[in-house]
Amino acid sequence: GLSTHAPEQAARAAAAGADYIGVGPIFDTATKEHRRAVGTEYIRQADEVCELPGYAIGHVDSDTIDEVLAAGATRIAVCTGIIARPDPAATARLLCEKLTRQRSQELLR
């Protein structure tokens, strides 16, 4: 996989033979301090120019997941959004449940 931060990078990743792309960072995050947030609109943009599976990354957590999913994400990559929570297991379950619902809705479309 390749990390992407702009539509042109997503298109180049597909042409280069990547099997998936990282889409983000969606929001500012301490784990991607060297990158500015690209915002949720990039989720849709990447999907429009690249048929590869895209993983929304960058401060995706239980507070931001609804916005990320509303932008069309069907895959996420999460680090601090789980391990920094008081109950990481419960947070992981919540994120999985919301993601599963989103993916089920996508399949029905």
C-alpha atoms as a PDB file:
ATOM      1  CA  GLY A   1       0.000   0.000   0.000  1.00  0.00           C
ATOM      2  CA  LEU A   2       0.896   3.641  -0.379  1.00  0.00           C
ATOM      3  CA  SER A   3       0.022   6.710   1.670  1.00  0.00           C
ATOM      4  CA  THR A   4      -1.749   9.432  -0.280  1.00  0.00           C
ATOM      5  CA  HIS A   5      -2.636  13.015   0.549  1.00  0.00           C
ATOM      6  CA  ALA A   6      -4.088  14.312  -2.720  1.00  0.00           C
ATOM      7  CA  PRO A   7      -6.111  12.925  -5.641  1.00  0.00           C
ATOM      8  CA  GLU A   8      -3.076  12.933  -7.961  1.00  0.00           C
ATOM      9  CA  GLN A   9      -1.193  10.730  -5.491  1.00  0.00           C
ATOM     10  CA  ALA A  10      -4.104   8.297  -5.295  1.00  0.00           C
ATOM     11  CA  ALA A  11      -4.184   7.996  -9.079  1.00  0.00           C
ATOM     12  CA  ARG A  12      -0.402   7.501  -9.214  1.00  0.00           C
ATOM     13  CA  ALA A  13      -0.579   4.824  -6.504  1.00  0.00           C
ATOM     14  CA  ALA A  14      -2.999   2.804  -8.614  1.00  0.00           C
ATOM     15  CA  ALA A  15      -0.831   3.223 -11.714  1.00  0.00           C
ATOM     16  CA  ALA A  16       2.234   2.144  -9.711  1.00  0.00           C
ATOM     17  CA  GLY A  17       0.582  -1.150  -8.771  1.00  0.00           C
ATOM     18  CA  ALA A  18      -0.311  -0.499  -5.131  1.00  0.00           C
ATOM     19  CA  ASP A  19      -2.903  -2.875  -3.714  1.00  0.00           C
ATOM     20  CA  TYR A  20      -4.440  -0.281  -1.346  1.00  0.00           C
ATOM     21  CA  ILE A  21      -3.976   3.354  -0.318  1.00  0.00           C
ATOM     22  CA  GLY A  22      -3.903   5.292   2.917  1.00  0.00           C
ATOM     23  CA  VAL A  23      -6.232   8.284   2.627  1.00  0.00           C
ATOM     24  CA  GLY A  24      -5.247  11.140   4.880  1.00  0.00           C
ATOM     25  CA  PRO A  25      -4.474  12.313   7.375  1.00  0.00           C
ATOM     26  CA  ILE A  26      -8.149  13.200   7.474  1.00  0.00           C
ATOM     27  CA  PHE A  27      -7.767  15.256  10.667  1.00  0.00           C
ATOM     28  CA  ASP A  28      -4.694  16.653  12.431  1.00  0.00           C
ATOM     29  CA  THR A  29      -3.041  13.919  14.465  1.00  0.00           C
ATOM     30  CA  ALA A  30       0.066  13.472  16.594  1.00  0.00           C
ATOM     31  CA  THR A  31       0.986  10.319  14.664  1.00  0.00           C
ATOM     32  CA  LYS A  32       1.225  12.300  11.402  1.00  0.00           C
ATOM     33  CA  GLU A  33       2.715  15.573  12.689  1.00  0.00           C
ATOM     34  CA  HIS A  34       4.635  16.185   9.439  1.00  0.00           C
ATOM     35  CA  ARG A  35       1.397  16.238   7.405  1.00  0.00           C
ATOM     36  CA  ARG A  36      -1.473  18.720   7.350  1.00  0.00           C
ATOM     37  CA  ALA A  37      -4.989  17.355   7.561  1.00  0.00           C
ATOM     38  CA  VAL A  38      -6.607  16.874   4.155  1.00  0.00           C
ATOM     39  CA  GLY A  39     -10.195  16.815   5.437  1.00  0.00           C
ATOM     40  CA  THR A  40     -13.048  14.423   4.837  1.00  0.00           C
ATOM     41  CA  GLU A  41     -13.601  15.676   1.289  1.00  0.00           C
ATOM     42  CA  TYR A  42     -10.434  13.812   0.292  1.00  0.00           C
ATOM     43  CA  ILE A  43     -12.177  10.492   1.043  1.00  0.00           C
ATOM     44  CA  ARG A  44     -14.584  11.123  -1.834  1.00  0.00           C
ATOM     45  CA  GLN A  45     -11.901  12.570  -4.095  1.00  0.00           C
ATOM     46  CA  ALA A  46      -9.634   9.548  -3.662  1.00  0.00           C
ATOM     47  CA  ASP A  47     -12.528   7.210  -4.351  1.00  0.00           C
ATOM     48  CA  GLU A  48     -13.346   9.082  -7.575  1.00  0.00           C
ATOM     49  CA  VAL A  49      -9.837   8.812  -9.048  1.00  0.00           C
ATOM     50  CA  CYS A  50      -8.712   5.463  -7.658  1.00  0.00           C
ATOM     51  CA  GLU A  51     -10.439   2.083  -7.565  1.00  0.00           C
ATOM     52  CA  LEU A  52      -8.066   0.700  -4.936  1.00  0.00           C
ATOM     53  CA  PRO A  53      -9.326   0.094  -1.400  1.00  0.00           C
ATOM     54  CA  GLY A  54      -8.686   3.257   0.610  1.00  0.00           C
ATOM     55  CA  TYR A  55      -8.150   3.378   4.375  1.00  0.00           C
ATOM     56  CA  ALA A  56      -9.090   6.678   6.039  1.00  0.00           C
ATOM     57  CA  ILE A  57      -6.364   7.539   8.528  1.00  0.00           C
ATOM     58  CA  GLY A  58      -5.538  10.457  10.801  1.00  0.00           C
ATOM     59  CA  HIS A  59      -7.368  11.061  14.092  1.00  0.00           C
ATOM     60  CA  VAL A  60     -10.136   8.606  13.276  1.00  0.00           C
ATOM     61  CA  ASP A  61     -11.766   7.765  16.607  1.00  0.00           C
ATOM     62  CA  SER A  62     -15.146   7.411  18.287  1.00  0.00           C
ATOM     63  CA  ASP A  63     -15.622  11.201  18.118  1.00  0.00           C
ATOM     64  CA  THR A  64     -14.861  11.524  14.388  1.00  0.00           C
ATOM     65  CA  ILE A  65     -16.009   8.179  12.958  1.00  0.00           C
ATOM     66  CA  ASP A  66     -19.505   9.377  12.007  1.00  0.00           C
ATOM     67  CA  GLU A  67     -18.074  12.249   9.956  1.00  0.00           C
ATOM     68  CA  VAL A  68     -15.553   9.919   8.294  1.00  0.00           C
ATOM     69  CA  LEU A  69     -18.246   7.391   7.407  1.00  0.00           C
ATOM     70  CA  ALA A  70     -20.609  10.118   6.180  1.00  0.00           C
ATOM     71  CA  ALA A  71     -17.873  11.146   3.744  1.00  0.00           C
ATOM     72  CA  GLY A  72     -17.975   7.654   2.253  1.00  0.00           C
ATOM     73  CA  ALA A  73     -15.191   5.778   4.023  1.00  0.00           C
ATOM     74  CA  THR A  74     -15.647   2.010   4.175  1.00  0.00           C
ATOM     75  CA  ARG A  75     -12.229   1.251   5.666  1.00  0.00           C
ATOM     76  CA  ILE A  76     -10.283   2.946   8.459  1.00  0.00           C
ATOM     77  CA  ALA A  77      -6.854   2.775  10.069  1.00  0.00           C
ATOM     78  CA  VAL A  78      -6.809   3.650  13.763  1.00  0.00           C
ATOM     79  CA  CYS A  79      -4.022   3.881  16.339  1.00  0.00           C
ATOM     80  CA  THR A  80      -4.355   6.497  19.077  1.00  0.00           C
ATOM     81  CA  GLY A  81      -8.136   6.525  18.630  1.00  0.00           C
ATOM     82  CA  ILE A  82      -8.204   3.120  20.307  1.00  0.00           C
ATOM     83  CA  ILE A  83      -5.124   2.800  22.505  1.00  0.00           C
ATOM     84  CA  ALA A  84      -5.519   6.223  24.157  1.00  0.00           C
ATOM     85  CA  ARG A  85      -9.112   5.568  25.255  1.00  0.00           C
ATOM     86  CA  PRO A  86     -10.005   4.491  28.810  1.00  0.00           C
ATOM     87  CA  ASP A  87     -11.556   1.265  27.459  1.00  0.00           C
ATOM     88  CA  PRO A  88      -9.737   0.369  24.226  1.00  0.00           C
ATOM     89  CA  ALA A  89     -11.715  -2.850  23.728  1.00  0.00           C
ATOM     90  CA  ALA A  90     -15.067  -1.058  23.947  1.00  0.00           C
ATOM     91  CA  THR A  91     -13.831   1.650  21.585  1.00  0.00           C
ATOM     92  CA  ALA A  92     -12.608  -0.937  19.067  1.00  0.00           C
ATOM     93  CA  ARG A  93     -15.987  -2.698  19.220  1.00  0.00           C
ATOM     94  CA  LEU A  94     -17.846   0.582  18.666  1.00  0.00           C
ATOM     95  CA  LEU A  95     -15.695   1.485  15.659  1.00  0.00           C
ATOM     96  CA  CYS A  96     -16.118  -2.018  14.205  1.00  0.00           C
ATOM     97  CA  GLU A  97     -19.887  -1.902  14.658  1.00  0.00           C
ATOM     98  CA  LYS A  98     -20.183   1.487  12.949  1.00  0.00           C
ATOM     99  CA  LEU A  99     -17.876   0.420  10.136  1.00  0.00           C
ATOM    100  CA  THR A 100     -19.776  -2.841   9.634  1.00  0.00           C
ATOM    101  CA  ARG A 101     -23.070  -0.942   9.393  1.00  0.00           C
ATOM    102  CA  GLN A 102     -21.560   1.443   6.839  1.00  0.00           C
ATOM    103  CA  ARG A 103     -20.162  -1.381   4.719  1.00  0.00           C
ATOM    104  CA  SER A 104     -23.491  -3.242   4.849  1.00  0.00           C
ATOM    105  CA  GLN A 105     -25.286  -0.127   3.614  1.00  0.00           C
ATOM    106  CA  GLU A 106     -22.746   0.235   0.788  1.00  0.00           C
ATOM    107  CA  LEU A 107     -23.425  -3.341  -0.332  1.00  0.00           C
ATOM    108  CA  LEU A 108     -27.157  -2.646  -0.480  1.00  0.00           C
ATOM    109  CA  ARG A 109     -26.695   0.325  -2.834  1.00  0.00           C
END
